[in-house]
Amino acid sequence: MARSAKNTIEEFWRIQDHRDYSALTDLFALNAVLEDPFFGTFRGKEAIGQFMTKMNHEMHAQQTHFEVLEIDGGDETAWAQWVAVTPQGRIDGCGLYRAKNGEITSYTDYMNA
């Protein structure tokens, strides 16, 4: 039996805790869509992988990292409440995820500007 969306997102955050965003690419389905409020929309695993590689550089350059506060969800939908920790302070946000067969098919981030 494949992982639920909640289990997949828990794995996503375990990987993200190491701050190697490119390692997250394997969790995405081939036709996944990722929507980021700052960097835009990325369609397909290849584009998402390129974005995640860019995130490695951007987050290091900005001295920023993410911390998850709460994860919940079910078989096909999950959400995570998180905080971006920056030199200027903390930014609250959340992610909404859809997953099928243990792969993320859709990921949209929201944050307070």
PDB file of N, CA and C in Angstrom:
ATOM      1  N   MET A   1       0.842  -1.188   0.000  1.00  0.00           N
ATOM      2  CA  MET A   1       0.000   0.000   0.000  1.00  0.00           C
ATOM      3  C   MET A   1       0.888   1.252   0.000  1.00  0.00           C
ATOM      4  N   ALA A   2       0.550   2.212  -0.848  1.00  0.00           N
ATOM      5  CA  ALA A   2       1.316   3.451  -0.965  1.00  0.00           C
ATOM      6  C   ALA A   2       1.125   4.326   0.269  1.00  0.00           C
ATOM      7  N   ARG A   3       2.080   5.203   0.483  1.00  0.00           N
ATOM      8  CA  ARG A   3       1.989   6.155   1.588  1.00  0.00           C
ATOM      9  C   ARG A   3       0.814   7.091   1.380  1.00  0.00           C
ATOM     10  N   SER A   4       0.221   7.504   2.482  1.00  0.00           N
ATOM     11  CA  SER A   4      -0.833   8.514   2.421  1.00  0.00           C
ATOM     12  C   SER A   4      -0.205   9.869   2.135  1.00  0.00           C
ATOM     13  N   ALA A   5      -1.028  10.848   1.799  1.00  0.00           N
ATOM     14  CA  ALA A   5      -0.532  12.211   1.594  1.00  0.00           C
ATOM     15  C   ALA A   5       0.145  12.712   2.861  1.00  0.00           C
ATOM     16  N   LYS A   6      -0.459  12.456   4.005  1.00  0.00           N
ATOM     17  CA  LYS A   6       0.118  12.907   5.274  1.00  0.00           C
ATOM     18  C   LYS A   6       1.499  12.286   5.485  1.00  0.00           C
ATOM     19  N   ASN A   7       1.625  10.992   5.263  1.00  0.00           N
ATOM     20  CA  ASN A   7       2.928  10.327   5.423  1.00  0.00           C
ATOM     21  C   ASN A   7       3.951  10.857   4.421  1.00  0.00           C
ATOM     22  N   THR A   8       3.513  11.136   3.204  1.00  0.00           N
ATOM     23  CA  THR A   8       4.409  11.671   2.182  1.00  0.00           C
ATOM     24  C   THR A   8       4.920  13.047   2.594  1.00  0.00           C
ATOM     25  N   ILE A   9       4.048  13.870   3.152  1.00  0.00           N
ATOM     26  CA  ILE A   9       4.449  15.215   3.561  1.00  0.00           C
ATOM     27  C   ILE A   9       5.315  15.166   4.813  1.00  0.00           C
ATOM     28  N   GLU A  10       5.084  14.230   5.673  1.00  0.00           N
ATOM     29  CA  GLU A  10       5.995  14.047   6.812  1.00  0.00           C
ATOM     30  C   GLU A  10       7.400  13.710   6.314  1.00  0.00           C
ATOM     31  N   GLU A  11       7.479  12.874   5.281  1.00  0.00           N
ATOM     32  CA  GLU A  11       8.778  12.543   4.681  1.00  0.00           C
ATOM     33  C   GLU A  11       9.380  13.785   4.013  1.00  0.00           C
ATOM     34  N   PHE A  12       8.561  14.555   3.324  1.00  0.00           N
ATOM     35  CA  PHE A  12       8.996  15.804   2.697  1.00  0.00           C
ATOM     36  C   PHE A  12       9.699  16.696   3.724  1.00  0.00           C
ATOM     37  N   TRP A  13       9.100  16.854   4.887  1.00  0.00           N
ATOM     38  CA  TRP A  13       9.684  17.723   5.911  1.00  0.00           C
ATOM     39  C   TRP A  13      10.910  17.098   6.564  1.00  0.00           C
ATOM     40  N   ARG A  14      10.967  15.791   6.695  1.00  0.00           N
ATOM     41  CA  ARG A  14      12.185  15.150   7.207  1.00  0.00           C
ATOM     42  C   ARG A  14      13.366  15.437   6.271  1.00  0.00           C
ATOM     43  N   ILE A  15      13.099  15.359   4.976  1.00  0.00           N
ATOM     44  CA  ILE A  15      14.146  15.649   3.992  1.00  0.00           C
ATOM     45  C   ILE A  15      14.497  17.138   4.035  1.00  0.00           C
ATOM     46  N   GLN A  16      13.497  17.988   4.065  1.00  0.00           N
ATOM     47  CA  GLN A  16      13.727  19.435   4.048  1.00  0.00           C
ATOM     48  C   GLN A  16      14.511  19.898   5.275  1.00  0.00           C
ATOM     49  N   ASP A  17      14.375  19.216   6.383  1.00  0.00           N
ATOM     50  CA  ASP A  17      15.131  19.568   7.591  1.00  0.00           C
ATOM     51  C   ASP A  17      16.636  19.546   7.356  1.00  0.00           C
ATOM     52  N   HIS A  18      17.090  18.795   6.345  1.00  0.00           N
ATOM     53  CA  HIS A  18      18.517  18.735   6.020  1.00  0.00           C
ATOM     54  C   HIS A  18      18.938  19.890   5.107  1.00  0.00           C
ATOM     55  N   ARG A  19      17.956  20.682   4.667  1.00  0.00           N
ATOM     56  CA  ARG A  19      18.178  21.890   3.853  1.00  0.00           C
ATOM     57  C   ARG A  19      18.814  21.605   2.498  1.00  0.00           C
ATOM     58  N   ASP A  20      18.545  20.413   1.969  1.00  0.00           N
ATOM     59  CA  ASP A  20      18.935  20.092   0.594  1.00  0.00           C
ATOM     60  C   ASP A  20      17.644  19.931  -0.188  1.00  0.00           C
ATOM     61  N   TYR A  21      17.159  21.049  -0.720  1.00  0.00           N
ATOM     62  CA  TYR A  21      15.853  21.056  -1.375  1.00  0.00           C
ATOM     63  C   TYR A  21      15.812  20.170  -2.610  1.00  0.00           C
ATOM     64  N   SER A  22      16.942  20.028  -3.304  1.00  0.00           N
ATOM     65  CA  SER A  22      16.950  19.190  -4.504  1.00  0.00           C
ATOM     66  C   SER A  22      16.624  17.733  -4.168  1.00  0.00           C
ATOM     67  N   ALA A  23      16.880  17.296  -2.945  1.00  0.00           N
ATOM     68  CA  ALA A  23      16.557  15.925  -2.541  1.00  0.00           C
ATOM     69  C   ALA A  23      15.045  15.698  -2.463  1.00  0.00           C
ATOM     70  N   LEU A  24      14.271  16.773  -2.455  1.00  0.00           N
ATOM     71  CA  LEU A  24      12.806  16.653  -2.403  1.00  0.00           C
ATOM     72  C   LEU A  24      12.212  16.233  -3.746  1.00  0.00           C
ATOM     73  N   THR A  25      12.946  16.432  -4.811  1.00  0.00           N
ATOM     74  CA  THR A  25      12.430  16.193  -6.159  1.00  0.00           C
ATOM     75  C   THR A  25      11.892  14.777  -6.335  1.00  0.00           C
ATOM     76  N   ASP A  26      12.529  13.803  -5.730  1.00  0.00           N
ATOM     77  CA  ASP A  26      12.090  12.410  -5.877  1.00  0.00           C
ATOM     78  C   ASP A  26      10.683  12.166  -5.355  1.00  0.00           C
ATOM     79  N   LEU A  27      10.171  13.047  -4.503  1.00  0.00           N
ATOM     80  CA  LEU A  27       8.822  12.866  -3.955  1.00  0.00           C
ATOM     81  C   LEU A  27       7.727  13.332  -4.909  1.00  0.00           C
ATOM     82  N   PHE A  28       8.087  14.004  -5.991  1.00  0.00           N
ATOM     83  CA  PHE A  28       7.095  14.568  -6.901  1.00  0.00           C
ATOM     84  C   PHE A  28       6.777  13.635  -8.059  1.00  0.00           C
ATOM     85  N   ALA A  29       5.510  13.614  -8.443  1.00  0.00           N
ATOM     86  CA  ALA A  29       5.065  12.859  -9.620  1.00  0.00           C
ATOM     87  C   ALA A  29       5.587  13.549 -10.881  1.00  0.00           C
ATOM     88  N   LEU A  30       5.664  12.811 -11.981  1.00  0.00           N
ATOM     89  CA  LEU A  30       6.173  13.365 -13.240  1.00  0.00           C
ATOM     90  C   LEU A  30       5.410  14.605 -13.697  1.00  0.00           C
ATOM     91  N   ASN A  31       4.097  14.619 -13.484  1.00  0.00           N
ATOM     92  CA  ASN A  31       3.270  15.736 -13.951  1.00  0.00           C
ATOM     93  C   ASN A  31       2.834  16.658 -12.805  1.00  0.00           C
ATOM     94  N   ALA A  32       3.579  16.682 -11.722  1.00  0.00           N
ATOM     95  CA  ALA A  32       3.233  17.494 -10.556  1.00  0.00           C
ATOM     96  C   ALA A  32       3.279  18.988 -10.885  1.00  0.00           C
ATOM     97  N   VAL A  33       2.560  19.758 -10.059  1.00  0.00           N
ATOM     98  CA  VAL A  33       2.561  21.218 -10.165  1.00  0.00           C
ATOM     99  C   VAL A  33       2.913  21.781  -8.797  1.00  0.00           C
ATOM    100  N   LEU A  34       3.854  22.718  -8.778  1.00  0.00           N
ATOM    101  CA  LEU A  34       4.255  23.387  -7.542  1.00  0.00           C
ATOM    102  C   LEU A  34       4.038  24.880  -7.731  1.00  0.00           C
ATOM    103  N   GLU A  35       3.306  25.494  -6.786  1.00  0.00           N
ATOM    104  CA  GLU A  35       3.052  26.938  -6.838  1.00  0.00           C
ATOM    105  C   GLU A  35       3.706  27.593  -5.637  1.00  0.00           C
ATOM    106  N   ASP A  36       4.658  28.493  -5.924  1.00  0.00           N
ATOM    107  CA  ASP A  36       5.372  29.218  -4.891  1.00  0.00           C
ATOM    108  C   ASP A  36       5.005  30.698  -5.006  1.00  0.00           C
ATOM    109  N   PRO A  37       4.635  31.354  -3.890  1.00  0.00           N
ATOM    110  CA  PRO A  37       4.182  32.747  -3.975  1.00  0.00           C
ATOM    111  C   PRO A  37       5.260  33.737  -4.423  1.00  0.00           C
ATOM    112  N   PHE A  38       6.536  33.408  -4.267  1.00  0.00           N
ATOM    113  CA  PHE A  38       7.611  34.306  -4.681  1.00  0.00           C
ATOM    114  C   PHE A  38       8.181  33.960  -6.052  1.00  0.00           C
ATOM    115  N   PHE A  39       8.341  32.678  -6.336  1.00  0.00           N
ATOM    116  CA  PHE A  39       9.063  32.259  -7.530  1.00  0.00           C
ATOM    117  C   PHE A  39       8.163  31.802  -8.678  1.00  0.00           C
ATOM    118  N   GLY A  40       6.873  31.597  -8.430  1.00  0.00           N
ATOM    119  CA  GLY A  40       5.953  31.247  -9.498  1.00  0.00           C
ATOM    120  C   GLY A  40       5.524  29.791  -9.498  1.00  0.00           C
ATOM    121  N   THR A  41       5.018  29.356 -10.647  1.00  0.00           N
ATOM    122  CA  THR A  41       4.469  28.015 -10.814  1.00  0.00           C
ATOM    123  C   THR A  41       5.421  27.169 -11.647  1.00  0.00           C
ATOM    124  N   PHE A  42       5.609  25.931 -11.210  1.00  0.00           N
ATOM    125  CA  PHE A  42       6.495  24.994 -11.885  1.00  0.00           C
ATOM    126  C   PHE A  42       5.696  23.747 -12.222  1.00  0.00           C
ATOM    127  N   ARG A  43       5.726  23.358 -13.484  1.00  0.00           N
ATOM    128  CA  ARG A  43       4.944  22.222 -13.961  1.00  0.00           C
ATOM    129  C   ARG A  43       5.872  21.109 -14.412  1.00  0.00           C
ATOM    130  N   GLY A  44       5.684  19.937 -13.811  1.00  0.00           N
ATOM    131  CA  GLY A  44       6.479  18.773 -14.167  1.00  0.00           C
ATOM    132  C   GLY A  44       7.669  18.593 -13.241  1.00  0.00           C
ATOM    133  N   LYS A  45       8.047  17.343 -13.073  1.00  0.00           N
ATOM    134  CA  LYS A  45       9.121  16.983 -12.145  1.00  0.00           C
ATOM    135  C   LYS A  45      10.450  17.651 -12.517  1.00  0.00           C
ATOM    136  N   GLU A  46      10.746  17.754 -13.806  1.00  0.00           N
ATOM    137  CA  GLU A  46      12.008  18.372 -14.220  1.00  0.00           C
ATOM    138  C   GLU A  46      12.065  19.843 -13.809  1.00  0.00           C
ATOM    139  N   ALA A  47      10.992  20.603 -14.063  1.00  0.00           N
ATOM    140  CA  ALA A  47      10.949  22.019 -13.686  1.00  0.00           C
ATOM    141  C   ALA A  47      10.993  22.178 -12.164  1.00  0.00           C
ATOM    142  N   ILE A  48      10.313  21.296 -11.467  1.00  0.00           N
ATOM    143  CA  ILE A  48      10.339  21.340 -10.000  1.00  0.00           C
ATOM    144  C   ILE A  48      11.742  21.053  -9.492  1.00  0.00           C
ATOM    145  N   GLY A  49      12.425  20.103 -10.097  1.00  0.00           N
ATOM    146  CA  GLY A  49      13.800  19.790  -9.713  1.00  0.00           C
ATOM    147  C   GLY A  49      14.733  20.980  -9.917  1.00  0.00           C
ATOM    148  N   GLN A  50      14.556  21.692 -11.029  1.00  0.00           N
ATOM    149  CA  GLN A  50      15.370  22.881 -11.282  1.00  0.00           C
ATOM    150  C   GLN A  50      15.089  23.956 -10.235  1.00  0.00           C
ATOM    151  N   PHE A  51      13.821  24.120  -9.891  1.00  0.00           N
ATOM    152  CA  PHE A  51      13.451  25.083  -8.849  1.00  0.00           C
ATOM    153  C   PHE A  51      14.062  24.697  -7.506  1.00  0.00           C
ATOM    154  N   MET A  52      14.015  23.422  -7.167  1.00  0.00           N
ATOM    155  CA  MET A  52      14.567  22.976  -5.884  1.00  0.00           C
ATOM    156  C   MET A  52      16.084  23.204  -5.832  1.00  0.00           C
ATOM    157  N   THR A  53      16.761  23.020  -6.948  1.00  0.00           N
ATOM    158  CA  THR A  53      18.192  23.314  -6.997  1.00  0.00           C
ATOM    159  C   THR A  53      18.424  24.807  -6.764  1.00  0.00           C
ATOM    160  N   LYS A  54      17.580  25.636  -7.363  1.00  0.00           N
ATOM    161  CA  LYS A  54      17.661  27.087  -7.146  1.00  0.00           C
ATOM    162  C   LYS A  54      17.409  27.422  -5.674  1.00  0.00           C
ATOM    163  N   MET A  55      16.473  26.708  -5.043  1.00  0.00           N
ATOM    164  CA  MET A  55      16.172  26.951  -3.628  1.00  0.00           C
ATOM    165  C   MET A  55      17.391  26.688  -2.750  1.00  0.00           C
ATOM    166  N   ASN A  56      18.202  25.698  -3.091  1.00  0.00           N
ATOM    167  CA  ASN A  56      19.433  25.451  -2.325  1.00  0.00           C
ATOM    168  C   ASN A  56      20.274  26.717  -2.269  1.00  0.00           C
ATOM    169  N   HIS A  57      20.456  27.360  -3.410  1.00  0.00           N
ATOM    170  CA  HIS A  57      21.255  28.584  -3.476  1.00  0.00           C
ATOM    171  C   HIS A  57      20.550  29.750  -2.773  1.00  0.00           C
ATOM    172  N   GLU A  58      19.275  29.960  -3.087  1.00  0.00           N
ATOM    173  CA  GLU A  58      18.530  31.099  -2.560  1.00  0.00           C
ATOM    174  C   GLU A  58      18.445  31.084  -1.034  1.00  0.00           C
ATOM    175  N   MET A  59      18.108  29.954  -0.476  1.00  0.00           N
ATOM    176  CA  MET A  59      17.934  29.896   0.979  1.00  0.00           C
ATOM    177  C   MET A  59      19.270  30.075   1.705  1.00  0.00           C
ATOM    178  N   HIS A  60      20.339  29.543   1.129  1.00  0.00           N
ATOM    179  CA  HIS A  60      21.664  29.748   1.715  1.00  0.00           C
ATOM    180  C   HIS A  60      22.055  31.229   1.626  1.00  0.00           C
ATOM    181  N   ALA A  61      21.868  31.833   0.461  1.00  0.00           N
ATOM    182  CA  ALA A  61      22.230  33.234   0.256  1.00  0.00           C
ATOM    183  C   ALA A  61      21.428  34.160   1.164  1.00  0.00           C
ATOM    184  N   GLN A  62      20.164  33.820   1.395  1.00  0.00           N
ATOM    185  CA  GLN A  62      19.298  34.653   2.237  1.00  0.00           C
ATOM    186  C   GLN A  62      19.359  34.270   3.709  1.00  0.00           C
ATOM    187  N   GLN A  63      20.185  33.281   4.041  1.00  0.00           N
ATOM    188  CA  GLN A  63      20.308  32.790   5.422  1.00  0.00           C
ATOM    189  C   GLN A  63      18.924  32.482   6.005  1.00  0.00           C
ATOM    190  N   THR A  64      18.138  31.764   5.225  1.00  0.00           N
ATOM    191  CA  THR A  64      16.759  31.443   5.579  1.00  0.00           C
ATOM    192  C   THR A  64      16.568  29.933   5.588  1.00  0.00           C
ATOM    193  N   HIS A  65      15.759  29.471   6.515  1.00  0.00           N
ATOM    194  CA  HIS A  65      15.355  28.067   6.512  1.00  0.00           C
ATOM    195  C   HIS A  65      13.916  27.973   7.004  1.00  0.00           C
ATOM    196  N   PHE A  66      13.326  26.813   6.784  1.00  0.00           N
ATOM    197  CA  PHE A  66      11.934  26.567   7.151  1.00  0.00           C
ATOM    198  C   PHE A  66      11.864  25.595   8.317  1.00  0.00           C
ATOM    199  N   GLU A  67      10.887  25.811   9.178  1.00  0.00           N
ATOM    200  CA  GLU A  67      10.603  24.893  10.279  1.00  0.00           C
ATOM    201  C   GLU A  67       9.123  24.542  10.230  1.00  0.00           C
ATOM    202  N   VAL A  68       8.819  23.265  10.277  1.00  0.00           N
ATOM    203  CA  VAL A  68       7.432  22.835  10.271  1.00  0.00           C
ATOM    204  C   VAL A  68       6.879  22.902  11.692  1.00  0.00           C
ATOM    205  N   LEU A  69       5.647  23.374  11.809  1.00  0.00           N
ATOM    206  CA  LEU A  69       4.989  23.476  13.108  1.00  0.00           C
ATOM    207  C   LEU A  69       3.951  22.371  13.295  1.00  0.00           C
ATOM    208  N   GLU A  70       3.261  22.035  12.203  1.00  0.00           N
ATOM    209  CA  GLU A  70       2.211  21.019  12.295  1.00  0.00           C
ATOM    210  C   GLU A  70       1.939  20.450  10.906  1.00  0.00           C
ATOM    211  N   ILE A  71       1.675  19.162  10.864  1.00  0.00           N
ATOM    212  CA  ILE A  71       1.295  18.470   9.628  1.00  0.00           C
ATOM    213  C   ILE A  71       0.049  17.657   9.922  1.00  0.00           C
ATOM    214  N   ASP A  72      -0.913  17.698   9.016  1.00  0.00           N
ATOM    215  CA  ASP A  72      -2.095  16.863   9.167  1.00  0.00           C
ATOM    216  C   ASP A  72      -2.641  16.550   7.780  1.00  0.00           C
ATOM    217  N   GLY A  73      -3.524  15.603   7.714  1.00  0.00           N
ATOM    218  CA  GLY A  73      -4.121  15.255   6.437  1.00  0.00           C
ATOM    219  C   GLY A  73      -4.572  13.817   6.394  1.00  0.00           C
ATOM    220  N   GLY A  74      -4.864  13.378   5.198  1.00  0.00           N
ATOM    221  CA  GLY A  74      -5.382  12.030   5.010  1.00  0.00           C
ATOM    222  C   GLY A  74      -4.690  11.325   3.862  1.00  0.00           C
ATOM    223  N   ASP A  75      -5.457  10.530   3.138  1.00  0.00           N
ATOM    224  CA  ASP A  75      -4.885   9.700   2.076  1.00  0.00           C
ATOM    225  C   ASP A  75      -4.410  10.504   0.868  1.00  0.00           C
ATOM    226  N   GLU A  76      -5.190  11.510   0.428  1.00  0.00           N
ATOM    227  CA  GLU A  76      -4.848  12.216  -0.803  1.00  0.00           C
ATOM    228  C   GLU A  76      -4.543  13.695  -0.621  1.00  0.00           C
ATOM    229  N   THR A  77      -4.873  14.271   0.535  1.00  0.00           N
ATOM    230  CA  THR A  77      -4.640  15.689   0.783  1.00  0.00           C
ATOM    231  C   THR A  77      -4.006  15.860   2.152  1.00  0.00           C
ATOM    232  N   ALA A  78      -3.045  16.786   2.225  1.00  0.00           N
ATOM    233  CA  ALA A  78      -2.411  17.093   3.507  1.00  0.00           C
ATOM    234  C   ALA A  78      -2.035  18.565   3.517  1.00  0.00           C
ATOM    235  N   TRP A  79      -1.769  19.066   4.698  1.00  0.00           N
ATOM    236  CA  TRP A  79      -1.303  20.446   4.834  1.00  0.00           C
ATOM    237  C   TRP A  79      -0.240  20.506   5.913  1.00  0.00           C
ATOM    238  N   ALA A  80       0.588  21.528   5.822  1.00  0.00           N
ATOM    239  CA  ALA A  80       1.623  21.759   6.826  1.00  0.00           C
ATOM    240  C   ALA A  80       1.638  23.243   7.173  1.00  0.00           C
ATOM    241  N   GLN A  81       1.640  23.528   8.449  1.00  0.00           N
ATOM    242  CA  GLN A  81       1.851  24.893   8.915  1.00  0.00           C
ATOM    243  C   GLN A  81       3.342  25.023   9.192  1.00  0.00           C
ATOM    244  N   TRP A  82       3.975  26.079   8.693  1.00  0.00           N
ATOM    245  CA  TRP A  82       5.413  26.231   8.822  1.00  0.00           C
ATOM    246  C   TRP A  82       5.778  27.686   9.087  1.00  0.00           C
ATOM    247  N   VAL A  83       7.030  27.907   9.398  1.00  0.00           N
ATOM    248  CA  VAL A  83       7.565  29.251   9.566  1.00  0.00           C
ATOM    249  C   VAL A  83       8.881  29.333   8.806  1.00  0.00           C
ATOM    250  N   ALA A  84       9.081  30.433   8.088  1.00  0.00           N
ATOM    251  CA  ALA A  84      10.369  30.724   7.459  1.00  0.00           C
ATOM    252  C   ALA A  84      11.151  31.574   8.450  1.00  0.00           C
ATOM    253  N   VAL A  85      12.328  31.113   8.803  1.00  0.00           N
ATOM    254  CA  VAL A  85      13.172  31.829   9.749  1.00  0.00           C
ATOM    255  C   VAL A  85      14.218  32.590   8.945  1.00  0.00           C
ATOM    256  N   THR A  86      14.164  33.923   9.018  1.00  0.00           N
ATOM    257  CA  THR A  86      15.052  34.791   8.255  1.00  0.00           C
ATOM    258  C   THR A  86      15.843  35.695   9.208  1.00  0.00           C
ATOM    259  N   PRO A  87      16.901  36.326   8.734  1.00  0.00           N
ATOM    260  CA  PRO A  87      17.622  37.276   9.583  1.00  0.00           C
ATOM    261  C   PRO A  87      16.745  38.457  10.026  1.00  0.00           C
ATOM    262  N   GLN A  88      15.700  38.751   9.246  1.00  0.00           N
ATOM    263  CA  GLN A  88      14.793  39.853   9.576  1.00  0.00           C
ATOM    264  C   GLN A  88      13.646  39.431  10.494  1.00  0.00           C
ATOM    265  N   GLY A  89      13.467  38.144  10.726  1.00  0.00           N
ATOM    266  CA  GLY A  89      12.377  37.660  11.566  1.00  0.00           C
ATOM    267  C   GLY A  89      11.743  36.407  10.997  1.00  0.00           C
ATOM    268  N   ARG A  90      10.562  36.121  11.486  1.00  0.00           N
ATOM    269  CA  ARG A  90       9.855  34.903  11.117  1.00  0.00           C
ATOM    270  C   ARG A  90       8.652  35.237  10.244  1.00  0.00           C
ATOM    271  N   ILE A  91       8.408  34.387   9.233  1.00  0.00           N
ATOM    272  CA  ILE A  91       7.265  34.553   8.344  1.00  0.00           C
ATOM    273  C   ILE A  91       6.427  33.284   8.429  1.00  0.00           C
ATOM    274  N   ASP A  92       5.171  33.449   8.819  1.00  0.00           N
ATOM    275  CA  ASP A  92       4.261  32.304   8.928  1.00  0.00           C
ATOM    276  C   ASP A  92       3.720  31.914   7.560  1.00  0.00           C
ATOM    277  N   GLY A  93       3.540  30.623   7.361  1.00  0.00           N
ATOM    278  CA  GLY A  93       2.983  30.147   6.112  1.00  0.00           C
ATOM    279  C   GLY A  93       2.402  28.757   6.261  1.00  0.00           C
ATOM    280  N   CYS A  94       1.821  28.280   5.182  1.00  0.00           N
ATOM    281  CA  CYS A  94       1.305  26.909   5.161  1.00  0.00           C
ATOM    282  C   CYS A  94       1.384  26.383   3.735  1.00  0.00           C
ATOM    283  N   GLY A  95       1.435  25.076   3.625  1.00  0.00           N
ATOM    284  CA  GLY A  95       1.445  24.411   2.336  1.00  0.00           C
ATOM    285  C   GLY A  95       0.264  23.473   2.236  1.00  0.00           C
ATOM    286  N   LEU A  96      -0.352  23.436   1.075  1.00  0.00           N
ATOM    287  CA  LEU A  96      -1.428  22.499   0.790  1.00  0.00           C
ATOM    288  C   LEU A  96      -0.910  21.532  -0.256  1.00  0.00           C
ATOM    289  N   TYR A  97      -1.032  20.240   0.033  1.00  0.00           N
ATOM    290  CA  TYR A  97      -0.454  19.194  -0.813  1.00  0.00           C
ATOM    291  C   TYR A  97      -1.516  18.186  -1.220  1.00  0.00           C
ATOM    292  N   ARG A  98      -1.373  17.678  -2.432  1.00  0.00           N
ATOM    293  CA  ARG A  98      -2.142  16.520  -2.890  1.00  0.00           C
ATOM    294  C   ARG A  98      -1.120  15.468  -3.278  1.00  0.00           C
ATOM    295  N   ALA A  99      -1.428  14.229  -2.947  1.00  0.00           N
ATOM    296  CA  ALA A  99      -0.507  13.139  -3.269  1.00  0.00           C
ATOM    297  C   ALA A  99      -1.306  11.913  -3.692  1.00  0.00           C
ATOM    298  N   LYS A 100      -0.676  11.134  -4.551  1.00  0.00           N
ATOM    299  CA  LYS A 100      -1.284   9.885  -5.011  1.00  0.00           C
ATOM    300  C   LYS A 100      -0.164   8.863  -5.132  1.00  0.00           C
ATOM    301  N   ASN A 101      -0.409   7.674  -4.602  1.00  0.00           N
ATOM    302  CA  ASN A 101       0.587   6.598  -4.652  1.00  0.00           C
ATOM    303  C   ASN A 101       1.937   7.018  -4.077  1.00  0.00           C
ATOM    304  N   GLY A 102       1.905   7.836  -3.028  1.00  0.00           N
ATOM    305  CA  GLY A 102       3.137   8.245  -2.360  1.00  0.00           C
ATOM    306  C   GLY A 102       3.921   9.333  -3.062  1.00  0.00           C
ATOM    307  N   GLU A 103       3.336   9.945  -4.115  1.00  0.00           N
ATOM    308  CA  GLU A 103       4.005  11.018  -4.840  1.00  0.00           C
ATOM    309  C   GLU A 103       3.172  12.299  -4.759  1.00  0.00           C
ATOM    310  N   ILE A 104       3.845  13.416  -4.605  1.00  0.00           N
ATOM    311  CA  ILE A 104       3.158  14.706  -4.573  1.00  0.00           C
ATOM    312  C   ILE A 104       2.736  15.064  -5.995  1.00  0.00           C
ATOM    313  N   THR A 105       1.446  15.341  -6.148  1.00  0.00           N
ATOM    314  CA  THR A 105       0.924  15.743  -7.465  1.00  0.00           C
ATOM    315  C   THR A 105       0.673  17.245  -7.534  1.00  0.00           C
ATOM    316  N   SER A 106       0.468  17.873  -6.372  1.00  0.00           N
ATOM    317  CA  SER A 106       0.205  19.300  -6.328  1.00  0.00           C
ATOM    318  C   SER A 106       0.686  19.848  -4.992  1.00  0.00           C
ATOM    319  N   TYR A 107       1.350  20.996  -5.037  1.00  0.00           N
ATOM    320  CA  TYR A 107       1.866  21.635  -3.825  1.00  0.00           C
ATOM    321  C   TYR A 107       1.743  23.136  -4.001  1.00  0.00           C
ATOM    322  N   THR A 108       0.991  23.778  -3.119  1.00  0.00           N
ATOM    323  CA  THR A 108       0.825  25.232  -3.148  1.00  0.00           C
ATOM    324  C   THR A 108       1.176  25.797  -1.791  1.00  0.00           C
ATOM    325  N   ASP A 109       2.075  26.789  -1.781  1.00  0.00           N
ATOM    326  CA  ASP A 109       2.454  27.465  -0.544  1.00  0.00           C
ATOM    327  C   ASP A 109       1.718  28.778  -0.422  1.00  0.00           C
ATOM    328  N   TYR A 110       1.370  29.142   0.793  1.00  0.00           N
ATOM    329  CA  TYR A 110       0.764  30.416   1.139  1.00  0.00           C
ATOM    330  C   TYR A 110       1.552  30.978   2.305  1.00  0.00           C
ATOM    331  N   MET A 111       1.707  32.312   2.317  1.00  0.00           N
ATOM    332  CA  MET A 111       2.403  32.914   3.463  1.00  0.00           C
ATOM    333  C   MET A 111       1.914  34.315   3.712  1.00  0.00           C
ATOM    334  N   ASN A 112       2.122  34.770   4.938  1.00  0.00           N
ATOM    335  CA  ASN A 112       1.832  36.147   5.298  1.00  0.00           C
ATOM    336  C   ASN A 112       3.032  36.996   4.886  1.00  0.00           C
ATOM    337  N   ALA A 113       2.784  37.989   4.078  1.00  0.00           N
ATOM    338  CA  ALA A 113       3.886  38.839   3.592  1.00  0.00           C
ATOM    339  C   ALA A 113       4.329  39.817   4.671  1.00  0.00           C
TER     340      ALA A 113
END
